[in-house]
PDB file of all heavy atoms in Angstrom:
ATOM      1  N   GLU A   1      24.498  37.682 -14.424  1.00  0.00           N
ATOM      2  CA  GLU A   1      23.371  38.505 -14.042  1.00  0.00           C
ATOM      3  C   GLU A   1      22.719  38.018 -12.803  1.00  0.00           C
ATOM      4  O   GLU A   1      22.295  38.789 -11.925  1.00  0.00           O
ATOM      5  CB  GLU A   1      22.329  38.518 -15.203  1.00  0.00           C
ATOM      6  CG  GLU A   1      22.873  39.310 -16.420  1.00  0.00           C
ATOM      7  CD  GLU A   1      22.001  39.048 -17.591  1.00  0.00           C
ATOM      8  OE1 GLU A   1      20.964  38.356 -17.514  1.00  0.00           O
ATOM      9  OE2 GLU A   1      22.335  39.557 -18.738  1.00  0.00           O
ATOM     10  N   ALA A   2      22.709  36.677 -12.609  1.00  0.00           N
ATOM     11  CA  ALA A   2      22.035  36.098 -11.458  1.00  0.00           C
ATOM     12  C   ALA A   2      22.873  36.229 -10.221  1.00  0.00           C
ATOM     13  O   ALA A   2      22.368  36.381  -9.077  1.00  0.00           O
ATOM     14  CB  ALA A   2      21.739  34.639 -11.674  1.00  0.00           C
ATOM     15  N   PHE A   3      24.244  36.251 -10.381  1.00  0.00           N
ATOM     16  CA  PHE A   3      25.131  36.307  -9.259  1.00  0.00           C
ATOM     17  C   PHE A   3      26.218  37.379  -9.480  1.00  0.00           C
ATOM     18  O   PHE A   3      27.356  37.104  -9.648  1.00  0.00           O
ATOM     19  CB  PHE A   3      25.780  34.942  -9.017  1.00  0.00           C
ATOM     20  CG  PHE A   3      24.803  33.818  -8.932  1.00  0.00           C
ATOM     21  CD1 PHE A   3      24.606  32.948 -10.011  1.00  0.00           C
ATOM     22  CD2 PHE A   3      24.018  33.640  -7.803  1.00  0.00           C
ATOM     23  CE1 PHE A   3      23.685  31.925  -9.962  1.00  0.00           C
ATOM     24  CE2 PHE A   3      23.063  32.590  -7.723  1.00  0.00           C
ATOM     25  CZ  PHE A   3      22.890  31.761  -8.821  1.00  0.00           C
ATOM     26  N   PRO A   4      25.790  38.642  -9.518  1.00  0.00           N
ATOM     27  CA  PRO A   4      26.666  39.683  -9.889  1.00  0.00           C
ATOM     28  C   PRO A   4      27.843  39.978  -8.908  1.00  0.00           C
ATOM     29  O   PRO A   4      28.755  40.763  -9.278  1.00  0.00           O
ATOM     30  CB  PRO A   4      25.756  40.948 -10.037  1.00  0.00           C
ATOM     31  CG  PRO A   4      24.605  40.606  -9.096  1.00  0.00           C
ATOM     32  CD  PRO A   4      24.433  39.119  -9.199  1.00  0.00           C
ATOM     33  N   ASN A   5      27.766  39.453  -7.746  1.00  0.00           N
ATOM     34  CA  ASN A   5      28.757  39.730  -6.704  1.00  0.00           C
ATOM     35  C   ASN A   5      29.951  38.775  -6.775  1.00  0.00           C
ATOM     36  O   ASN A   5      30.793  38.767  -5.926  1.00  0.00           O
ATOM     37  CB  ASN A   5      28.130  39.637  -5.317  1.00  0.00           C
ATOM     38  CG  ASN A   5      27.124  40.759  -5.089  1.00  0.00           C
ATOM     39  OD1 ASN A   5      27.314  41.865  -5.561  1.00  0.00           O
ATOM     40  ND2 ASN A   5      26.065  40.484  -4.367  1.00  0.00           N
ATOM     41  N   HIS A   6      29.994  37.907  -7.794  1.00  0.00           N
ATOM     42  CA  HIS A   6      31.032  36.909  -7.936  1.00  0.00           C
ATOM     43  C   HIS A   6      31.678  37.050  -9.330  1.00  0.00           C
ATOM     44  O   HIS A   6      31.020  37.140 -10.345  1.00  0.00           O
ATOM     45  CB  HIS A   6      30.476  35.503  -7.727  1.00  0.00           C
ATOM     46  CG  HIS A   6      29.814  35.292  -6.437  1.00  0.00           C
ATOM     47  ND1 HIS A   6      30.543  35.089  -5.257  1.00  0.00           N
ATOM     48  CD2 HIS A   6      28.489  35.329  -6.030  1.00  0.00           C
ATOM     49  CE1 HIS A   6      29.716  34.959  -4.282  1.00  0.00           C
ATOM     50  NE2 HIS A   6      28.488  35.118  -4.724  1.00  0.00           N
ATOM     51  N   PRO A   7      33.061  36.978  -9.336  1.00  0.00           N
ATOM     52  CA  PRO A   7      33.719  36.899 -10.660  1.00  0.00           C
ATOM     53  C   PRO A   7      33.242  35.706 -11.425  1.00  0.00           C
ATOM     54  O   PRO A   7      32.852  34.703 -10.810  1.00  0.00           O
ATOM     55  CB  PRO A   7      35.201  36.784 -10.285  1.00  0.00           C
ATOM     56  CG  PRO A   7      35.294  37.308  -8.903  1.00  0.00           C
ATOM     57  CD  PRO A   7      33.957  36.967  -8.242  1.00  0.00           C
ATOM     58  N   PHE A   8      33.247  35.793 -12.731  1.00  0.00           N
ATOM     59  CA  PHE A   8      32.769  34.638 -13.531  1.00  0.00           C
ATOM     60  C   PHE A   8      33.643  34.426 -14.692  1.00  0.00           C
ATOM     61  O   PHE A   8      34.544  35.184 -15.027  1.00  0.00           O
ATOM     62  CB  PHE A   8      31.303  34.978 -13.994  1.00  0.00           C
ATOM     63  CG  PHE A   8      31.224  36.063 -15.054  1.00  0.00           C
ATOM     64  CD1 PHE A   8      31.141  35.745 -16.391  1.00  0.00           C
ATOM     65  CD2 PHE A   8      31.262  37.372 -14.665  1.00  0.00           C
ATOM     66  CE1 PHE A   8      31.030  36.721 -17.332  1.00  0.00           C
ATOM     67  CE2 PHE A   8      31.167  38.387 -15.608  1.00  0.00           C
ATOM     68  CZ  PHE A   8      31.071  38.080 -16.938  1.00  0.00           C
ATOM     69  N   GLY A   9      33.450  33.280 -15.344  1.00  0.00           N
ATOM     70  CA  GLY A   9      34.241  32.898 -16.485  1.00  0.00           C
ATOM     71  C   GLY A   9      33.780  31.628 -17.123  1.00  0.00           C
ATOM     72  O   GLY A   9      32.560  31.281 -16.985  1.00  0.00           O
ATOM     73  N   LEU A  10      34.628  31.012 -17.891  1.00  0.00           N
ATOM     74  CA  LEU A  10      34.281  29.848 -18.722  1.00  0.00           C
ATOM     75  C   LEU A  10      35.234  28.752 -18.560  1.00  0.00           C
ATOM     76  O   LEU A  10      36.461  28.918 -18.659  1.00  0.00           O
ATOM     77  CB  LEU A  10      34.200  30.272 -20.216  1.00  0.00           C
ATOM     78  CG  LEU A  10      33.836  29.201 -21.199  1.00  0.00           C
ATOM     79  CD1 LEU A  10      32.352  28.901 -21.107  1.00  0.00           C
ATOM     80  CD2 LEU A  10      34.167  29.624 -22.635  1.00  0.00           C
ATOM     81  N   SER A  11      34.721  27.579 -18.310  1.00  0.00           N
ATOM     82  CA  SER A  11      35.505  26.321 -18.370  1.00  0.00           C
ATOM     83  C   SER A  11      35.077  25.650 -19.669  1.00  0.00           C
ATOM     84  O   SER A  11      33.965  25.242 -19.853  1.00  0.00           O
ATOM     85  CB  SER A  11      35.182  25.418 -17.187  1.00  0.00           C
ATOM     86  OG  SER A  11      35.965  24.238 -17.257  1.00  0.00           O
ATOM     87  N   ASP A  12      36.043  25.628 -20.621  1.00  0.00           N
ATOM     88  CA  ASP A  12      35.711  25.304 -21.979  1.00  0.00           C
ATOM     89  C   ASP A  12      36.233  23.929 -22.404  1.00  0.00           C
ATOM     90  O   ASP A  12      37.360  23.521 -22.047  1.00  0.00           O
ATOM     91  CB  ASP A  12      36.290  26.391 -22.881  1.00  0.00           C
ATOM     92  CG  ASP A  12      35.996  26.123 -24.359  1.00  0.00           C
ATOM     93  OD1 ASP A  12      34.844  25.798 -24.689  1.00  0.00           O
ATOM     94  OD2 ASP A  12      36.947  26.207 -25.165  1.00  0.00           O
ATOM     95  N   HIS A  13      35.417  23.241 -23.201  1.00  0.00           N
ATOM     96  CA  HIS A  13      35.780  21.877 -23.686  1.00  0.00           C
ATOM     97  C   HIS A  13      35.700  21.838 -25.227  1.00  0.00           C
ATOM     98  O   HIS A  13      35.511  20.759 -25.779  1.00  0.00           O
ATOM     99  CB  HIS A  13      34.935  20.834 -23.065  1.00  0.00           C
ATOM    100  CG  HIS A  13      35.003  20.789 -21.567  1.00  0.00           C
ATOM    101  ND1 HIS A  13      33.919  21.076 -20.747  1.00  0.00           N
ATOM    102  CD2 HIS A  13      36.069  20.578 -20.746  1.00  0.00           C
ATOM    103  CE1 HIS A  13      34.302  21.005 -19.466  1.00  0.00           C
ATOM    104  NE2 HIS A  13      35.596  20.695 -19.449  1.00  0.00           N
ATOM    105  N   THR A  14      35.773  23.002 -25.923  1.00  0.00           N
ATOM    106  CA  THR A  14      35.809  22.972 -27.369  1.00  0.00           C
ATOM    107  C   THR A  14      37.197  22.654 -27.868  1.00  0.00           C
ATOM    108  O   THR A  14      38.099  22.359 -27.045  1.00  0.00           O
ATOM    109  CB  THR A  14      35.321  24.320 -27.957  1.00  0.00           C
ATOM    110  OG1 THR A  14      36.261  25.333 -27.584  1.00  0.00           O
ATOM    111  CG2 THR A  14      33.953  24.712 -27.438  1.00  0.00           C
ATOM    112  N   LEU A  15      37.435  22.756 -29.131  1.00  0.00           N
ATOM    113  CA  LEU A  15      38.704  22.369 -29.759  1.00  0.00           C
ATOM    114  C   LEU A  15      39.586  23.560 -30.098  1.00  0.00           C
ATOM    115  O   LEU A  15      40.632  23.375 -30.740  1.00  0.00           O
ATOM    116  CB  LEU A  15      38.448  21.542 -30.985  1.00  0.00           C
ATOM    117  CG  LEU A  15      37.667  20.265 -30.803  1.00  0.00           C
ATOM    118  CD1 LEU A  15      37.422  19.519 -32.091  1.00  0.00           C
ATOM    119  CD2 LEU A  15      38.353  19.354 -29.781  1.00  0.00           C
ATOM    120  N   SER A  16      39.201  24.772 -29.660  1.00  0.00           N
ATOM    121  CA  SER A  16      40.026  25.944 -29.975  1.00  0.00           C
ATOM    122  C   SER A  16      39.840  26.992 -28.889  1.00  0.00           C
ATOM    123  O   SER A  16      39.106  26.758 -27.942  1.00  0.00           O
ATOM    124  CB  SER A  16      39.634  26.544 -31.355  1.00  0.00           C
ATOM    125  OG  SER A  16      38.348  27.199 -31.236  1.00  0.00           O
ATOM    126  N   ASN A  17      40.561  28.092 -29.056  1.00  0.00           N
ATOM    127  CA  ASN A  17      40.503  29.200 -28.097  1.00  0.00           C
ATOM    128  C   ASN A  17      39.311  30.159 -28.309  1.00  0.00           C
ATOM    129  O   ASN A  17      39.130  31.037 -27.534  1.00  0.00           O
ATOM    130  CB  ASN A  17      41.781  30.015 -28.119  1.00  0.00           C
ATOM    131  CG  ASN A  17      42.979  29.292 -27.505  1.00  0.00           C
ATOM    132  OD1 ASN A  17      42.786  28.444 -26.596  1.00  0.00           O
ATOM    133  ND2 ASN A  17      44.134  29.613 -27.927  1.00  0.00           N
ATOM    134  N   HIS A  18      38.588  29.956 -29.399  1.00  0.00           N
ATOM    135  CA  HIS A  18      37.568  30.946 -29.794  1.00  0.00           C
ATOM    136  C   HIS A  18      36.522  31.191 -28.689  1.00  0.00           C
ATOM    137  O   HIS A  18      36.134  32.331 -28.441  1.00  0.00           O
ATOM    138  CB  HIS A  18      36.853  30.511 -31.064  1.00  0.00           C
ATOM    139  CG  HIS A  18      37.783  30.519 -32.262  1.00  0.00           C
ATOM    140  ND1 HIS A  18      38.420  29.397 -32.702  1.00  0.00           N
ATOM    141  CD2 HIS A  18      38.164  31.501 -33.071  1.00  0.00           C
ATOM    142  CE1 HIS A  18      39.200  29.715 -33.739  1.00  0.00           C
ATOM    143  NE2 HIS A  18      38.986  30.976 -33.999  1.00  0.00           N
ATOM    144  N   ALA A  19      36.020  30.138 -28.052  1.00  0.00           N
ATOM    145  CA  ALA A  19      34.974  30.303 -27.053  1.00  0.00           C
ATOM    146  C   ALA A  19      35.562  31.094 -25.865  1.00  0.00           C
ATOM    147  O   ALA A  19      34.868  32.027 -25.348  1.00  0.00           O
ATOM    148  CB  ALA A  19      34.500  28.939 -26.551  1.00  0.00           C
ATOM    149  N   CYS A  20      36.772  30.825 -25.479  1.00  0.00           N
ATOM    150  CA  CYS A  20      37.334  31.573 -24.293  1.00  0.00           C
ATOM    151  C   CYS A  20      37.507  33.009 -24.684  1.00  0.00           C
ATOM    152  O   CYS A  20      37.295  33.903 -23.821  1.00  0.00           O
ATOM    153  CB  CYS A  20      38.682  30.891 -23.925  1.00  0.00           C
ATOM    154  SG  CYS A  20      38.526  29.374 -22.974  1.00  0.00           S
ATOM    155  N   LEU A  21      38.013  33.326 -25.840  1.00  0.00           N
ATOM    156  CA  LEU A  21      38.275  34.693 -26.214  1.00  0.00           C
ATOM    157  C   LEU A  21      36.925  35.449 -26.331  1.00  0.00           C
ATOM    158  O   LEU A  21      36.808  36.587 -25.925  1.00  0.00           O
ATOM    159  CB  LEU A  21      38.990  34.775 -27.557  1.00  0.00           C
ATOM    160  CG  LEU A  21      40.421  34.201 -27.532  1.00  0.00           C
ATOM    161  CD1 LEU A  21      41.024  34.173 -28.915  1.00  0.00           C
ATOM    162  CD2 LEU A  21      41.291  34.975 -26.547  1.00  0.00           C
ATOM    163  N   GLY A  22      35.902  34.751 -26.860  1.00  0.00           N
ATOM    164  CA  GLY A  22      34.565  35.360 -26.907  1.00  0.00           C
ATOM    165  C   GLY A  22      34.060  35.634 -25.463  1.00  0.00           C
ATOM    166  O   GLY A  22      33.398  36.664 -25.221  1.00  0.00           O
ATOM    167  N   ALA A  23      34.365  34.737 -24.542  1.00  0.00           N
ATOM    168  CA  ALA A  23      33.946  34.903 -23.170  1.00  0.00           C
ATOM    169  C   ALA A  23      34.566  36.146 -22.564  1.00  0.00           C
ATOM    170  O   ALA A  23      33.927  36.888 -21.753  1.00  0.00           O
ATOM    171  CB  ALA A  23      34.262  33.643 -22.400  1.00  0.00           C
ATOM    172  N   VAL A  24      35.862  36.361 -22.832  1.00  0.00           N
ATOM    173  CA  VAL A  24      36.516  37.547 -22.283  1.00  0.00           C
ATOM    174  C   VAL A  24      35.827  38.832 -22.771  1.00  0.00           C
ATOM    175  O   VAL A  24      35.677  39.779 -22.012  1.00  0.00           O
ATOM    176  CB  VAL A  24      38.004  37.565 -22.732  1.00  0.00           C
ATOM    177  CG1 VAL A  24      38.690  38.861 -22.241  1.00  0.00           C
ATOM    178  CG2 VAL A  24      38.752  36.352 -22.121  1.00  0.00           C
ATOM    179  N   ALA A  25      35.443  38.832 -24.048  1.00  0.00           N
ATOM    180  CA  ALA A  25      34.762  40.014 -24.571  1.00  0.00           C
ATOM    181  C   ALA A  25      33.433  40.301 -23.813  1.00  0.00           C
ATOM    182  O   ALA A  25      33.026  41.452 -23.725  1.00  0.00           O
ATOM    183  CB  ALA A  25      34.449  39.843 -26.039  1.00  0.00           C
ATOM    184  N   LEU A  26      32.864  39.257 -23.242  1.00  0.00           N
ATOM    185  CA  LEU A  26      31.641  39.410 -22.472  1.00  0.00           C
ATOM    186  C   LEU A  26      31.903  39.569 -21.006  1.00  0.00           C
ATOM    187  O   LEU A  26      30.942  39.622 -20.195  1.00  0.00           O
ATOM    188  CB  LEU A  26      30.767  38.203 -22.722  1.00  0.00           C
ATOM    189  CG  LEU A  26      30.210  38.022 -24.129  1.00  0.00           C
ATOM    190  CD1 LEU A  26      29.462  36.739 -24.277  1.00  0.00           C
ATOM    191  CD2 LEU A  26      29.333  39.210 -24.546  1.00  0.00           C
ATOM    192  N   GLY A  27      33.142  39.705 -20.584  1.00  0.00           N
ATOM    193  CA  GLY A  27      33.499  40.034 -19.216  1.00  0.00           C
ATOM    194  C   GLY A  27      34.079  38.933 -18.374  1.00  0.00           C
ATOM    195  O   GLY A  27      34.322  39.101 -17.165  1.00  0.00           O
ATOM    196  N   ALA A  28      34.354  37.784 -19.003  1.00  0.00           N
ATOM    197  CA  ALA A  28      34.956  36.659 -18.206  1.00  0.00           C
ATOM    198  C   ALA A  28      36.259  37.009 -17.619  1.00  0.00           C
ATOM    199  O   ALA A  28      37.098  37.624 -18.224  1.00  0.00           O
ATOM    200  CB  ALA A  28      35.102  35.423 -19.108  1.00  0.00           C
ATOM    201  N   SER A  29      36.458  36.621 -16.361  1.00  0.00           N
ATOM    202  CA  SER A  29      37.704  36.845 -15.645  1.00  0.00           C
ATOM    203  C   SER A  29      38.525  35.615 -15.467  1.00  0.00           C
ATOM    204  O   SER A  29      39.711  35.684 -15.040  1.00  0.00           O
ATOM    205  CB  SER A  29      37.393  37.430 -14.251  1.00  0.00           C
ATOM    206  OG  SER A  29      36.742  38.670 -14.348  1.00  0.00           O
ATOM    207  N   ILE A  30      37.955  34.414 -15.725  1.00  0.00           N
ATOM    208  CA  ILE A  30      38.674  33.136 -15.568  1.00  0.00           C
ATOM    209  C   ILE A  30      38.381  32.297 -16.824  1.00  0.00           C
ATOM    210  O   ILE A  30      37.252  32.202 -17.273  1.00  0.00           O
ATOM    211  CB  ILE A  30      38.217  32.361 -14.330  1.00  0.00           C
ATOM    212  CG1 ILE A  30      38.356  33.200 -13.079  1.00  0.00           C
ATOM    213  CG2 ILE A  30      38.975  31.037 -14.198  1.00  0.00           C
ATOM    214  CD1 ILE A  30      37.801  32.554 -11.820  1.00  0.00           C
ATOM    215  N   LEU A  31      39.435  31.726 -17.337  1.00  0.00           N
ATOM    216  CA  LEU A  31      39.368  30.835 -18.479  1.00  0.00           C
ATOM    217  C   LEU A  31      40.039  29.512 -18.171  1.00  0.00           C
ATOM    218  O   LEU A  31      41.181  29.529 -17.731  1.00  0.00           O
ATOM    219  CB  LEU A  31      40.029  31.446 -19.742  1.00  0.00           C
ATOM    220  CG  LEU A  31      39.566  32.880 -20.110  1.00  0.00           C
ATOM    221  CD1 LEU A  31      40.470  33.464 -21.238  1.00  0.00           C
ATOM    222  CD2 LEU A  31      38.119  32.877 -20.575  1.00  0.00           C
ATOM    223  N   GLU A  32      39.301  28.432 -18.314  1.00  0.00           N
ATOM    224  CA  GLU A  32      39.952  27.127 -18.026  1.00  0.00           C
ATOM    225  C   GLU A  32      39.803  26.226 -19.208  1.00  0.00           C
ATOM    226  O   GLU A  32      38.687  26.101 -19.787  1.00  0.00           O
ATOM    227  CB  GLU A  32      39.229  26.467 -16.787  1.00  0.00           C
ATOM    228  CG  GLU A  32      39.759  25.113 -16.457  1.00  0.00           C
ATOM    229  CD  GLU A  32      38.993  24.524 -15.279  1.00  0.00           C
ATOM    230  OE1 GLU A  32      37.818  24.106 -15.490  1.00  0.00           O
ATOM    231  OE2 GLU A  32      39.542  24.344 -14.207  1.00  0.00           O
ATOM    232  N   ARG A  33      40.949  25.648 -19.627  1.00  0.00           N
ATOM    233  CA  ARG A  33      40.906  24.561 -20.656  1.00  0.00           C
ATOM    234  C   ARG A  33      41.806  23.465 -20.251  1.00  0.00           C
ATOM    235  O   ARG A  33      42.822  23.681 -19.513  1.00  0.00           O
ATOM    236  CB  ARG A  33      41.402  25.098 -21.996  1.00  0.00           C
ATOM    237  CG  ARG A  33      40.435  26.077 -22.671  1.00  0.00           C
ATOM    238  CD  ARG A  33      40.855  26.260 -24.190  1.00  0.00           C
ATOM    239  NE  ARG A  33      40.774  25.038 -24.914  1.00  0.00           N
ATOM    240  CZ  ARG A  33      41.294  24.821 -26.124  1.00  0.00           C
ATOM    241  NH1 ARG A  33      42.054  25.734 -26.657  1.00  0.00           N
ATOM    242  NH2 ARG A  33      41.133  23.672 -26.730  1.00  0.00           N
ATOM    243  N   HIS A  34      41.445  22.245 -20.639  1.00  0.00           N
ATOM    244  CA  HIS A  34      42.358  21.117 -20.439  1.00  0.00           C
ATOM    245  C   HIS A  34      43.666  21.377 -21.150  1.00  0.00           C
ATOM    246  O   HIS A  34      43.709  22.072 -22.151  1.00  0.00           O
ATOM    247  CB  HIS A  34      41.679  19.826 -20.925  1.00  0.00           C
ATOM    248  CG  HIS A  34      40.614  19.326 -20.017  1.00  0.00           C
ATOM    249  ND1 HIS A  34      40.855  18.574 -18.889  1.00  0.00           N
ATOM    250  CD2 HIS A  34      39.273  19.478 -20.045  1.00  0.00           C
ATOM    251  CE1 HIS A  34      39.733  18.325 -18.276  1.00  0.00           C
ATOM    252  NE2 HIS A  34      38.742  18.829 -18.976  1.00  0.00           N
ATOM    253  N   PHE A  35      44.715  20.754 -20.663  1.00  0.00           N
ATOM    254  CA  PHE A  35      46.089  21.075 -21.154  1.00  0.00           C
ATOM    255  C   PHE A  35      46.877  19.802 -21.275  1.00  0.00           C
ATOM    256  O   PHE A  35      46.832  18.947 -20.491  1.00  0.00           O
ATOM    257  CB  PHE A  35      46.783  22.041 -20.226  1.00  0.00           C
ATOM    258  CG  PHE A  35      48.160  22.457 -20.655  1.00  0.00           C
ATOM    259  CD1 PHE A  35      48.304  23.494 -21.530  1.00  0.00           C
ATOM    260  CD2 PHE A  35      49.260  21.765 -20.226  1.00  0.00           C
ATOM    261  CE1 PHE A  35      49.578  23.855 -22.011  1.00  0.00           C
ATOM    262  CE2 PHE A  35      50.529  22.103 -20.624  1.00  0.00           C
ATOM    263  CZ  PHE A  35      50.715  23.152 -21.499  1.00  0.00           C
ATOM    264  N   THR A  36      47.717  19.822 -22.331  1.00  0.00           N
ATOM    265  CA  THR A  36      48.699  18.706 -22.532  1.00  0.00           C
ATOM    266  C   THR A  36      49.944  19.246 -23.157  1.00  0.00           C
ATOM    267  O   THR A  36      49.909  20.307 -23.811  1.00  0.00           O
ATOM    268  CB  THR A  36      48.126  17.596 -23.382  1.00  0.00           C
ATOM    269  OG1 THR A  36      49.073  16.531 -23.494  1.00  0.00           O
ATOM    270  CG2 THR A  36      47.775  18.084 -24.785  1.00  0.00           C
ATOM    271  N   ASP A  37      51.014  18.613 -22.952  1.00  0.00           N
ATOM    272  CA  ASP A  37      52.279  18.993 -23.677  1.00  0.00           C
ATOM    273  C   ASP A  37      52.284  18.506 -25.083  1.00  0.00           C
ATOM    274  O   ASP A  37      52.744  19.229 -26.001  1.00  0.00           O
ATOM    275  CB  ASP A  37      53.506  18.493 -22.910  1.00  0.00           C
ATOM    276  CG  ASP A  37      53.502  17.003 -22.628  1.00  0.00           C
ATOM    277  OD1 ASP A  37      52.448  16.361 -22.789  1.00  0.00           O
ATOM    278  OD2 ASP A  37      54.562  16.420 -22.256  1.00  0.00           O
TER     279      ASP A  37
END
């Protein structure tokens, strides 16, 4: 809302995908999570 001219998203540090999926429902265009094999 403060910066409507820029795509937005979530860099998430929880233990599951739930936060990222919830963010998409709210309009997030970028999702970032740490990754390991």
